[in-house]
C-alpha atoms as a PDB file:
ATOM      1  CA  MET A   1     110.160  86.627 113.061  1.00  0.00           C
ATOM      2  CA  GLY A   2     112.139  88.173 110.270  1.00  0.00           C
ATOM      3  CA  TRP A   3     112.086  88.836 106.516  1.00  0.00           C
ATOM      4  CA  TRP A   4     114.794  88.367 103.957  1.00  0.00           C
ATOM      5  CA  LYS A   5     115.469  88.994 100.257  1.00  0.00           C
ATOM      6  CA  ILE A   6     115.096  85.911  98.130  1.00  0.00           C
ATOM      7  CA  LYS A   7     118.343  85.192  96.236  1.00  0.00           C
ATOM      8  CA  ASP A   8     116.446  83.635  93.296  1.00  0.00           C
ATOM      9  CA  VAL A   9     113.013  82.149  92.791  1.00  0.00           C
ATOM     10  CA  LYS A  10     114.152  78.765  91.639  1.00  0.00           C
ATOM     11  CA  SER A  11     116.247  77.903  94.729  1.00  0.00           C
ATOM     12  CA  GLY A  12     114.231  80.077  97.152  1.00  0.00           C
ATOM     13  CA  GLN A  13     117.430  80.676  99.142  1.00  0.00           C
ATOM     14  CA  ILE A  14     118.212  83.707 101.218  1.00  0.00           C
ATOM     15  CA  ASP A  15     120.368  86.484  99.656  1.00  0.00           C
ATOM     16  CA  GLU A  16     122.600  86.778 102.700  1.00  0.00           C
ATOM     17  CA  CYS A  17     124.618  89.733 101.288  1.00  0.00           C
ATOM     18  CA  PHE A  18     121.616  91.979 100.540  1.00  0.00           C
ATOM     19  CA  ASN A  19     121.681  95.460 102.041  1.00  0.00           C
ATOM     20  CA  GLY A  20     125.377  95.068 102.907  1.00  0.00           C
ATOM     21  CA  THR A  21     124.567  92.630 105.692  1.00  0.00           C
ATOM     22  CA  SER A  22     125.909  89.144 106.131  1.00  0.00           C
ATOM     23  CA  GLY A  23     122.838  87.812 107.891  1.00  0.00           C
ATOM     24  CA  THR A  24     119.567  86.286 106.988  1.00  0.00           C
ATOM     25  CA  LEU A  25     117.159  88.942 108.359  1.00  0.00           C
ATOM     26  CA  ASN A  26     117.973  91.645 105.873  1.00  0.00           C
ATOM     27  CA  ALA A  27     114.701  92.913 104.257  1.00  0.00           C
ATOM     28  CA  ILE A  28     113.170  96.020 105.816  1.00  0.00           C
ATOM     29  CA  HIS A  29     109.425  96.507 105.630  1.00  0.00           C
ATOM     30  CA  GLY A  30     108.569  99.792 103.823  1.00  0.00           C
ATOM     31  CA  GLU A  31     112.084 100.201 102.452  1.00  0.00           C
ATOM     32  CA  ASP A  32     112.766  97.095 100.318  1.00  0.00           C
ATOM     33  CA  THR A  33     109.697  97.325  98.167  1.00  0.00           C
ATOM     34  CA  ASP A  34     111.302  96.409  94.830  1.00  0.00           C
ATOM     35  CA  VAL A  35     112.700  93.008  95.813  1.00  0.00           C
ATOM     36  CA  LEU A  36     111.144  89.541  96.366  1.00  0.00           C
ATOM     37  CA  VAL A  37     111.023  88.615 100.119  1.00  0.00           C
ATOM     38  CA  ASN A  38     110.212  85.669 102.224  1.00  0.00           C
ATOM     39  CA  GLY A  39     109.877  85.380 106.001  1.00  0.00           C
ATOM     40  CA  ASP A  40     109.739  82.982 108.916  1.00  0.00           C
ATOM     41  CA  GLU A  41     105.881  83.174 109.207  1.00  0.00           C
ATOM     42  CA  VAL A  42     105.416  82.363 105.493  1.00  0.00           C
ATOM     43  CA  SER A  43     107.868  79.470 105.686  1.00  0.00           C
ATOM     44  CA  ASP A  44     106.058  78.100 108.756  1.00  0.00           C
ATOM     45  CA  ILE A  45     102.724  78.283 106.974  1.00  0.00           C
ATOM     46  CA  ILE A  46     104.046  76.455 103.919  1.00  0.00           C
ATOM     47  CA  GLY A  47     105.791  73.890 106.128  1.00  0.00           C
ATOM     48  CA  SER A  48     102.478  73.141 107.886  1.00  0.00           C
ATOM     49  CA  ALA A  49     100.704  72.920 104.497  1.00  0.00           C
ATOM     50  CA  ILE A  50     103.290  70.389 103.281  1.00  0.00           C
ATOM     51  CA  GLN A  51     102.790  68.341 106.468  1.00  0.00           C
ATOM     52  CA  LYS A  52      99.005  68.277 105.816  1.00  0.00           C
ATOM     53  CA  ILE A  53      99.545  67.312 102.157  1.00  0.00           C
ATOM     54  CA  ASN A  54     101.824  64.476 103.261  1.00  0.00           C
ATOM     55  CA  GLU A  55      99.210  63.254 105.779  1.00  0.00           C
ATOM     56  CA  ALA A  56      96.630  63.145 102.919  1.00  0.00           C
ATOM     57  CA  TYR A  57      99.014  61.142 100.776  1.00  0.00           C
ATOM     58  CA  LYS A  58      99.822  58.730 103.648  1.00  0.00           C
ATOM     59  CA  CYS A  59      96.160  58.291 104.371  1.00  0.00           C
ATOM     60  CA  ASN A  60      95.172  57.662 100.731  1.00  0.00           C
ATOM     61  CA  TRP A  61      98.346  56.266  99.168  1.00  0.00           C
ATOM     62  CA  GLY A  62     100.328  54.905 102.133  1.00  0.00           C
ATOM     63  CA  ARG A  63     103.268  57.225 101.402  1.00  0.00           C
ATOM     64  CA  SER A  64     104.359  60.835 101.529  1.00  0.00           C
ATOM     65  CA  ALA A  65     104.092  63.007  98.415  1.00  0.00           C
ATOM     66  CA  THR A  66     107.091  63.052  96.126  1.00  0.00           C
ATOM     67  CA  PRO A  67     108.825  66.382  95.449  1.00  0.00           C
ATOM     68  CA  GLU A  68     107.372  66.295  91.944  1.00  0.00           C
ATOM     69  CA  GLU A  69     103.857  65.802  93.293  1.00  0.00           C
ATOM     70  CA  LEU A  70     104.285  68.729  95.676  1.00  0.00           C
ATOM     71  CA  GLN A  71     105.566  70.925  92.897  1.00  0.00           C
ATOM     72  CA  ALA A  72     102.650  69.856  90.664  1.00  0.00           C
ATOM     73  CA  ALA A  73     100.169  70.636  93.449  1.00  0.00           C
ATOM     74  CA  PHE A  74     101.629  74.100  93.933  1.00  0.00           C
ATOM     75  CA  ASN A  75     101.672  74.705  90.153  1.00  0.00           C
ATOM     76  CA  PHE A  76      98.074  73.536  89.916  1.00  0.00           C
ATOM     77  CA  VAL A  77      97.013  76.070  92.582  1.00  0.00           C
ATOM     78  CA  LEU A  78      99.258  78.995  91.386  1.00  0.00           C
ATOM     79  CA  ASN A  79      99.158  78.765  87.633  1.00  0.00           C
ATOM     80  CA  PRO A  80      98.367  80.608  85.524  1.00  0.00           C
ATOM     81  CA  GLN A  81      99.193  83.843  87.373  1.00  0.00           C
ATOM     82  CA  LYS A  82      96.904  85.905  85.094  1.00  0.00           C
ATOM     83  CA  ASN A  83      93.881  84.070  86.379  1.00  0.00           C
ATOM     84  CA  LEU A  84      94.887  84.610  89.956  1.00  0.00           C
ATOM     85  CA  LEU A  85      95.342  88.308  89.366  1.00  0.00           C
ATOM     86  CA  ALA A  86      92.039  88.520  87.544  1.00  0.00           C
ATOM     87  CA  ASN A  87      90.310  86.678  90.337  1.00  0.00           C
ATOM     88  CA  ALA A  88      91.869  88.922  92.970  1.00  0.00           C
ATOM     89  CA  ASN A  89      90.665  91.970  91.039  1.00  0.00           C
ATOM     90  CA  LEU A  90      87.148  90.523  90.773  1.00  0.00           C
ATOM     91  CA  ILE A  91      87.083  89.780  94.503  1.00  0.00           C
ATOM     92  CA  ALA A  92      88.126  93.376  95.129  1.00  0.00           C
ATOM     93  CA  GLY A  93      85.353  94.456  92.729  1.00  0.00           C
ATOM     94  CA  GLU A  94      87.672  95.704  89.959  1.00  0.00           C
ATOM     95  CA  ASP A  95      88.527  94.525  86.438  1.00  0.00           C
ATOM     96  CA  SER A  96      92.098  94.266  85.064  1.00  0.00           C
ATOM     97  CA  GLU A  97      92.154  98.049  84.566  1.00  0.00           C
ATOM     98  CA  GLY A  98      91.018  98.827  88.148  1.00  0.00           C
ATOM     99  CA  LYS A  99      87.453  99.749  87.112  1.00  0.00           C
ATOM    100  CA  SER A 100      84.460  98.476  88.983  1.00  0.00           C
ATOM    101  CA  ALA A 101      83.619  94.966  87.801  1.00  0.00           C
ATOM    102  CA  LEU A 102      80.479  94.444  89.899  1.00  0.00           C
ATOM    103  CA  ARG A 103      77.268  93.835  87.989  1.00  0.00           C
ATOM    104  CA  GLU A 104      73.858  94.671  89.380  1.00  0.00           C
ATOM    105  CA  ASN A 105      72.938  90.978  89.612  1.00  0.00           C
ATOM    106  CA  ASN A 106      76.050  90.220  91.633  1.00  0.00           C
ATOM    107  CA  HIS A 107      75.186  92.414  94.610  1.00  0.00           C
ATOM    108  CA  ALA A 108      74.432  90.395  97.729  1.00  0.00           C
END
């Protein structure tokens, strides 16, 4: 299992010349903290998710999802990023400034 620098977000392709290497496993954990990375494990998880999505489409619509439907599904889940970050902070018990966001009535 390896990690690599992403060439660009739109294509998602591997930047094979990153770090002076000519291979695909070129991102080093702990060193390449200022670049976007992807890895085998992440790709496998997304591949499995797409298979499950296609199974749902086949079961309900008799066909696989189109690329546009897959993109729309990911956009639906991922957008807007501000809400995701706000939700992540709330789950962690912080507001957008890192201050405690827990209220007395939210304690379990």
